[in-house]
């Protein structure tokens, strides 16, 4: 096999057309008249020969690259966040673009280095950029699509699902089920601290708005002993049933396991509602009520913003605003049931 890269001329010769025609077809130029049969022949020939165009060359011709760069902060990428990023990538591909995810703290403050290596169509940010990184985007002429999941001073979240939306669904569900006291329990995740902190704050705000007094919260190490000690301390303060909103389904599972070890009845003495509606929620004993997020709709809204910025005709985004929904299971069947 030859080590010499294939060129447009090779494709043109094999397909029996001009180099210009090959260029028009491979760059999807619809402003130039080329018959569909010729287009198909060129595409088939390029595929058979294994021709791969140069992204850098396309960027020079079009003035921008084909890459949508997702700049993810130093967060724990799992659960619902992982699914959201995957769905954004799938939808972006429908516009003929490539979605690349760059995670962690390495790029923060050094975005100019990353942009010098990748020809970006646009950059999607999930947190506000530093001054230097914002300047790098402006200098490079790369548009930004903000998809903030968290609230920041002067910059509230601009996604349909906020952390307060999730917590409000949990608290309202527990109150509706008849739990007279409520608490929030999060487990420590260093790379998820921004989210747990936001949800604990939202929990106390929501309880205040709902007129709930005596609301308790804690963030504990991710081990059964810590969860068990916290649970016992809360239960011992009153004989009234306690409803706990958990950070996620794994935390909820820990609460149920701790309750079982201390012979605390779930759901009569203790109700638990988790988050993410992961498979573990339906497999626990008792099964765990959990909040599910409408991620396809959320991803559609973000992909729609990307399409707007890049001048693509937006695909159907009529699914409506993203919402959260509580899947009710046995863990919150109610104190009186």
Protein backbone atom coordinates (compact mmCIF):
# COMPACT_ATOMS: atom_id res chain seq x y z
CA UNK A 1 0.00 0.00 0.00
CA UNK A 2 1.35 3.41 -0.93
CA UNK A 3 2.26 5.75 1.92
CA UNK A 4 1.57 8.81 -0.27
CA UNK A 5 -1.70 10.48 0.81
CA UNK A 6 -4.53 10.45 -1.71
CA UNK A 7 -5.40 13.79 -3.27
CA UNK A 8 -8.42 15.38 -4.90
CA UNK A 9 -6.70 14.71 -8.26
CA UNK A 10 -6.64 10.97 -7.54
CA UNK A 11 -10.36 10.97 -6.81
CA UNK A 12 -11.08 13.09 -9.91
CA UNK A 13 -9.08 10.77 -12.18
CA UNK A 14 -10.75 7.64 -10.82
CA UNK A 15 -14.25 9.15 -11.02
CA UNK A 16 -13.68 10.68 -14.47
CA UNK A 17 -14.52 14.23 -13.43
CA UNK A 18 -12.62 17.46 -12.87
CA UNK A 19 -10.79 18.37 -9.69
CA UNK A 20 -13.20 21.27 -9.24
CA UNK A 21 -16.18 18.92 -9.36
CA UNK A 22 -14.63 16.68 -6.70
CA UNK A 23 -13.99 19.73 -4.52
CA UNK A 24 -17.58 20.95 -4.92
CA UNK A 25 -19.00 17.55 -4.00
CA UNK A 26 -16.74 16.79 -1.04
CA UNK A 27 -17.34 20.25 0.41
CA UNK A 28 -21.10 19.91 -0.17
CA UNK A 29 -21.26 23.03 -2.32
CA UNK A 30 -24.92 23.32 -3.28
CA UNK A 31 -24.46 26.69 -4.96
CA UNK A 32 -22.71 24.92 -7.86
CA UNK A 33 -24.73 22.78 -10.23
CA UNK A 34 -23.63 19.14 -10.11
CA UNK A 35 -26.00 16.30 -11.00
CA UNK A 36 -26.98 13.89 -8.24
CA UNK A 37 -25.56 10.96 -10.20
CA UNK A 38 -22.18 12.71 -10.44
CA UNK A 39 -22.28 13.60 -6.75
CA UNK A 40 -22.96 9.99 -5.88
CA UNK A 41 -20.18 8.74 -8.15
CA UNK A 42 -17.66 11.10 -6.57
CA UNK A 43 -18.73 10.13 -3.05
CA UNK A 44 -18.58 6.42 -3.86
CA UNK A 45 -15.15 6.81 -5.42
CA UNK A 46 -13.77 8.78 -2.49
CA UNK A 47 -15.12 6.19 -0.08
CA UNK A 48 -13.70 3.28 -2.08
CA UNK A 49 -10.27 4.88 -2.34
CA UNK A 50 -10.29 5.85 1.32
CA UNK A 51 -9.83 9.55 0.64
CA UNK A 52 -9.89 11.75 3.75
CA UNK A 53 -9.97 15.51 3.28
CA UNK A 54 -7.90 17.88 5.36
CA UNK A 55 -9.84 19.54 8.21
CA UNK A 56 -7.32 22.38 8.22
CA UNK A 57 -7.85 22.99 4.50
CA UNK A 58 -11.62 23.01 4.94
CA UNK A 59 -11.26 25.48 7.79
CA UNK A 60 -9.19 27.81 5.64
CA UNK A 61 -11.77 27.68 2.83
CA UNK A 62 -14.84 28.09 5.02
CA UNK A 63 -13.38 30.39 7.66
CA UNK A 64 -14.18 27.95 10.45
CA UNK A 65 -13.66 24.34 11.43
CA UNK A 66 -16.05 21.44 11.73
CA UNK A 67 -15.48 20.88 15.45
CA UNK A 68 -17.87 21.82 18.23
CA UNK A 69 -15.70 21.89 21.33
CA UNK A 70 -17.41 21.11 24.65
CA UNK A 71 -15.33 22.74 27.37
CA UNK A 72 -16.24 20.85 30.54
CA UNK A 73 -14.91 22.14 33.89
CA UNK A 74 -13.22 19.85 36.40
CA UNK A 75 -16.45 18.00 37.21
CA UNK A 76 -17.27 14.39 37.86
CA UNK A 77 -18.56 13.19 34.48
CA UNK A 78 -21.07 10.47 35.26
CA UNK A 79 -24.79 9.83 35.55
CA UNK A 80 -27.06 12.43 34.04
CA UNK A 81 -24.25 14.79 33.04
CA UNK A 82 -22.59 12.05 31.01
CA UNK A 83 -25.87 11.31 29.24
CA UNK A 84 -26.45 15.01 28.50
CA UNK A 85 -23.02 15.41 26.89
CA UNK A 86 -23.51 12.25 24.83
CA UNK A 87 -26.89 13.48 23.57
CA UNK A 88 -25.46 16.88 22.61
CA UNK A 89 -22.77 15.08 20.62
CA UNK A 90 -25.31 12.93 18.82
CA UNK A 91 -27.46 15.92 17.86
CA UNK A 92 -24.48 18.01 16.73
CA UNK A 93 -23.47 15.17 14.39
CA UNK A 94 -26.78 15.62 12.57
CA UNK A 95 -25.50 19.01 11.39
CA UNK A 96 -22.41 17.38 9.89
CA UNK A 97 -20.21 18.60 12.75
CA UNK A 98 -17.86 16.73 15.05
CA UNK A 99 -18.29 17.11 18.80
CA UNK A 100 -15.14 16.92 20.92
CA UNK A 101 -15.27 16.95 24.70
CA UNK A 102 -12.37 18.45 26.64
CA UNK A 103 -12.61 17.88 30.38
CA UNK A 104 -10.80 18.93 33.52
CA UNK A 105 -8.88 21.95 34.70
CA UNK A 106 -5.96 21.77 32.25
CA UNK A 107 -7.46 24.13 29.67
CA UNK A 108 -8.64 26.75 32.15
CA UNK A 109 -6.56 29.88 31.72
CA UNK A 110 -4.79 28.37 28.68
CA UNK A 111 -7.60 28.18 26.15
CA UNK A 112 -5.46 29.96 23.54
CA UNK A 113 -3.16 26.91 23.38
CA UNK A 114 -6.09 24.57 22.76
CA UNK A 115 -7.57 26.82 20.07
CA UNK A 116 -4.23 26.91 18.26
CA UNK A 117 -4.46 23.16 17.77
CA UNK A 118 -8.15 22.70 16.93
CA UNK A 119 -10.11 24.47 14.17
CA UNK A 120 -13.35 25.10 16.05
CA UNK A 121 -16.72 26.01 14.62
CA UNK A 122 -17.76 27.10 18.10
CA UNK A 123 -17.09 26.41 21.76
CA UNK A 124 -19.76 25.31 24.24
CA UNK A 125 -19.10 26.46 27.82
CA UNK A 126 -20.77 25.10 30.95
CA UNK A 127 -19.25 27.62 33.36
CA UNK A 128 -18.25 31.27 32.85
CA UNK A 129 -14.80 31.63 31.29
CA UNK A 130 -11.87 33.39 32.89
CA UNK A 131 -10.93 36.77 31.44
CA UNK A 132 -7.95 35.27 29.61
CA UNK A 133 -9.99 32.44 28.10
CA UNK A 134 -12.78 34.78 27.02
CA UNK A 135 -10.13 36.98 25.36
CA UNK A 136 -8.70 33.93 23.56
CA UNK A 137 -12.13 33.15 22.09
CA UNK A 138 -12.64 36.76 21.00
CA UNK A 139 -9.17 37.00 19.46
CA UNK A 140 -9.69 33.75 17.56
CA UNK A 141 -13.12 34.79 16.31
CA UNK A 142 -14.61 31.61 17.75
CA UNK A 143 -18.25 31.97 18.86
CA UNK A 144 -19.28 30.84 22.34
CA UNK A 145 -22.46 28.95 23.16
CA UNK A 146 -23.14 29.19 26.89
CA UNK A 147 -24.91 26.23 28.52
CA UNK A 148 -24.56 27.11 32.20
CA UNK A 149 -25.85 24.37 34.52
CA UNK A 150 -25.10 26.30 37.72
CA UNK A 151 -25.93 29.78 38.98
CA UNK A 152 -23.11 32.33 39.25
CA UNK A 153 -23.20 35.93 40.54
CA UNK A 154 -24.86 37.96 37.81
CA UNK A 155 -24.98 34.89 35.54
CA UNK A 156 -27.79 32.50 36.44
CA UNK A 157 -28.04 29.12 34.75
CA UNK A 158 -29.44 29.34 31.21
CA UNK A 159 -30.43 25.70 30.86
CA UNK A 160 -34.03 24.68 31.41
CA UNK A 161 -33.11 22.34 34.25
CA UNK A 162 -31.56 24.09 37.26
CA UNK A 163 -30.35 22.53 40.48
CA UNK A 164 -33.28 24.21 42.27
CA UNK A 165 -35.69 22.54 39.83
CA UNK A 166 -34.41 19.10 40.81
CA UNK A 167 -34.49 19.76 44.55
CA UNK A 168 -37.95 21.36 44.41
CA UNK A 169 -39.31 18.20 42.79
CA UNK A 170 -37.83 16.11 45.61
CA UNK A 171 -39.08 18.34 48.43
CA UNK A 172 -42.58 18.72 46.99
CA UNK A 173 -42.85 14.97 46.51
CA UNK A 174 -41.91 14.25 50.13
CA UNK A 175 -44.40 16.82 51.42
CA UNK A 176 -47.15 15.45 49.18
CA UNK A 177 -46.47 11.96 50.50
CA UNK A 178 -47.07 13.13 54.06
CA UNK A 179 -43.60 13.48 55.54
CA UNK A 180 -43.75 16.23 58.14
CA UNK A 181 -39.99 16.74 58.48
CA UNK A 182 -37.54 16.90 55.61
CA UNK A 183 -33.76 16.77 55.23
CA UNK A 184 -31.18 16.75 52.44
CA UNK A 185 -28.24 14.37 52.42
CA UNK A 186 -25.31 14.63 50.00
CA UNK A 187 -22.20 12.49 49.85
CA UNK A 188 -18.80 14.05 49.26
CA UNK A 189 -17.56 14.09 45.69
CA UNK A 190 -14.63 16.52 45.28
CA UNK A 191 -15.27 16.97 41.55
CA UNK A 192 -19.02 17.28 42.16
CA UNK A 193 -18.83 19.75 45.03
CA UNK A 194 -20.18 22.66 42.96
CA UNK A 195 -23.37 20.70 42.33
CA UNK A 196 -23.86 19.35 45.87
CA UNK A 197 -23.29 22.82 47.32
CA UNK A 198 -25.83 24.29 44.91
CA UNK A 199 -28.43 21.68 45.77
CA UNK A 200 -28.01 22.02 49.54
CA UNK A 201 -28.45 25.80 49.22
CA UNK A 202 -31.48 25.29 46.97
CA UNK A 203 -32.96 22.85 49.51
CA UNK A 204 -32.95 25.41 52.31
CA UNK A 205 -34.30 28.15 50.04
CA UNK A 206 -37.14 25.91 48.86
CA UNK A 207 -38.01 24.80 52.39
CA UNK A 208 -38.18 28.46 53.44
CA UNK A 209 -40.46 29.28 50.51
CA UNK A 210 -42.68 26.27 51.31
CA UNK A 211 -42.89 27.26 54.98
CA UNK A 212 -41.09 24.12 56.14
CA UNK A 213 -39.38 24.59 59.51
CA UNK A 214 -36.58 22.57 61.02
CA UNK A 215 -35.15 21.45 57.68
CA UNK A 216 -31.79 19.69 58.07
CA UNK A 217 -28.93 19.02 55.68
CA UNK A 218 -25.54 17.36 55.70
CA UNK A 219 -22.74 16.44 53.33
CA UNK A 220 -20.91 13.33 54.54
CA UNK A 221 -18.14 11.00 53.34
CA UNK A 222 -19.28 8.37 50.87
CA UNK A 223 -19.36 5.47 53.31
CA UNK A 224 -22.15 3.62 55.11
CA UNK A 225 -20.96 4.44 58.63
CA UNK A 226 -21.09 8.21 58.02
CA UNK A 227 -24.53 7.98 56.46
CA UNK A 228 -25.75 5.78 59.30
CA UNK A 229 -24.52 8.14 62.03
CA UNK A 230 -26.15 11.15 60.36
CA UNK A 231 -29.39 9.26 59.87
CA UNK A 232 -29.50 8.19 63.53
CA UNK A 233 -28.88 11.76 64.69
CA UNK A 234 -31.76 13.06 62.59
CA UNK A 235 -34.18 10.31 63.54
CA UNK A 236 -33.47 10.64 67.26
CA UNK A 237 -34.62 14.28 67.42
CA UNK A 238 -38.29 13.50 66.81
CA UNK A 239 -40.79 10.68 66.46
CA UNK A 240 -42.34 12.38 63.44
CA UNK A 241 -41.68 10.69 60.06
CA UNK A 242 -38.66 12.03 58.20
CA UNK A 243 -38.38 12.47 54.45
CA UNK A 244 -34.88 12.70 52.97
CA UNK A 245 -33.99 14.14 49.58
CA UNK A 246 -30.79 12.39 48.50
CA UNK A 247 -28.04 13.76 46.23
CA UNK A 248 -28.43 10.79 43.88
CA UNK A 249 -29.67 7.21 43.79
CA UNK A 250 -26.44 5.79 45.22
CA UNK A 251 -26.77 8.10 48.22
CA UNK A 252 -30.40 7.04 48.56
CA UNK A 253 -29.32 3.39 48.49
CA UNK A 254 -26.85 4.15 51.29
CA UNK A 255 -29.63 5.73 53.34
CA UNK A 256 -31.88 2.70 52.88
CA UNK A 257 -29.06 0.33 53.81
CA UNK A 258 -28.25 2.39 56.91
CA UNK A 259 -31.93 2.44 57.88
CA UNK A 260 -32.10 -1.34 57.58
CA UNK A 261 -29.04 -1.77 59.81
CA UNK A 262 -30.68 0.39 62.48
CA UNK A 263 -34.13 -1.17 62.05
CA UNK A 264 -35.70 2.08 60.86
CA UNK A 265 -38.76 1.31 58.77
CA UNK A 266 -38.85 2.60 55.21
CA UNK A 267 -41.19 4.19 54.11
CA UNK A 268 -43.29 4.42 57.32
CA UNK A 269 -40.69 6.05 59.57
CA UNK A 270 -38.36 7.27 56.85
CA UNK A 271 -38.98 8.25 53.24
CA UNK A 272 -36.19 8.59 50.68
CA UNK A 273 -36.23 10.14 47.20
CA UNK A 274 -33.12 9.95 45.05
CA UNK A 275 -31.97 11.57 41.83
CA UNK A 276 -31.02 10.43 38.30
CA UNK A 277 -33.57 7.57 38.15
CA UNK A 278 -30.69 5.17 37.52
CA UNK A 279 -31.14 1.37 37.27
CA UNK A 280 -30.14 0.96 40.93
CA UNK A 281 -33.34 2.77 41.98
CA UNK A 282 -35.54 0.00 40.58
CA UNK A 283 -33.33 -2.79 41.96
CA UNK A 284 -33.07 -1.66 45.59
CA UNK A 285 -35.23 -3.09 48.37
CA UNK A 286 -37.44 -1.23 48.83
CA UNK A 287 -37.35 0.32 45.38
CA UNK A 288 -36.30 3.98 45.41
CA UNK A 289 -38.40 6.91 44.25
CA UNK A 290 -36.21 9.11 42.07
CA UNK A 291 -36.16 12.25 39.95
CA UNK A 292 -35.66 11.81 36.23
CA UNK A 293 -34.49 14.70 34.03
CA UNK A 294 -35.74 15.29 30.49
CA UNK A 295 -32.25 15.27 29.02
CA UNK A 296 -33.21 14.80 25.34
CA UNK A 297 -35.17 18.04 25.46
CA UNK A 298 -32.36 19.86 27.29
CA UNK A 299 -29.80 18.64 24.75
CA UNK A 300 -32.09 19.72 21.91
CA UNK A 301 -32.22 23.26 23.23
CA UNK A 302 -28.42 23.44 23.48
CA UNK A 303 -27.97 21.92 20.01
CA UNK A 304 -30.47 24.47 18.71
CA UNK A 305 -28.33 27.30 20.09
CA UNK A 306 -25.28 25.82 18.39
CA UNK A 307 -27.21 25.69 15.10
CA UNK A 308 -28.25 29.35 15.52
CA UNK A 309 -24.68 30.51 16.10
CA UNK A 310 -23.36 28.58 13.10
CA UNK A 311 -26.19 29.54 10.74
CA UNK A 312 -27.60 26.03 10.33
CA UNK A 313 -31.29 25.48 9.77
CA UNK A 314 -32.51 24.26 13.15
CA UNK A 315 -34.06 20.82 13.30
CA UNK A 316 -37.29 20.20 15.21
CA UNK A 317 -37.03 21.51 18.78
CA UNK A 318 -40.75 21.30 19.51
CA UNK A 319 -40.35 18.76 22.30
CA UNK A 320 -40.86 21.57 24.77
CA UNK A 321 -38.90 22.80 27.77
CA UNK A 322 -36.88 20.33 29.77
CA UNK A 323 -38.62 19.19 32.96
CA UNK A 324 -38.01 16.90 35.89
CA UNK A 325 -40.33 14.11 36.90
CA UNK A 326 -40.51 11.99 40.04
CA UNK A 327 -40.78 8.25 39.46
CA UNK A 328 -42.67 7.09 42.56
CA UNK A 329 -41.61 3.80 44.11
CA UNK A 330 -41.88 2.12 47.51
CA UNK A 331 -39.29 4.24 49.35
CA UNK A 332 -41.78 7.13 49.63
CA UNK A 333 -45.06 5.25 49.85
CA UNK A 334 -45.94 7.50 52.80
CA UNK A 335 -45.91 7.35 56.62
CA UNK A 336 -49.53 6.22 56.89
CA UNK A 337 -49.47 3.53 54.18
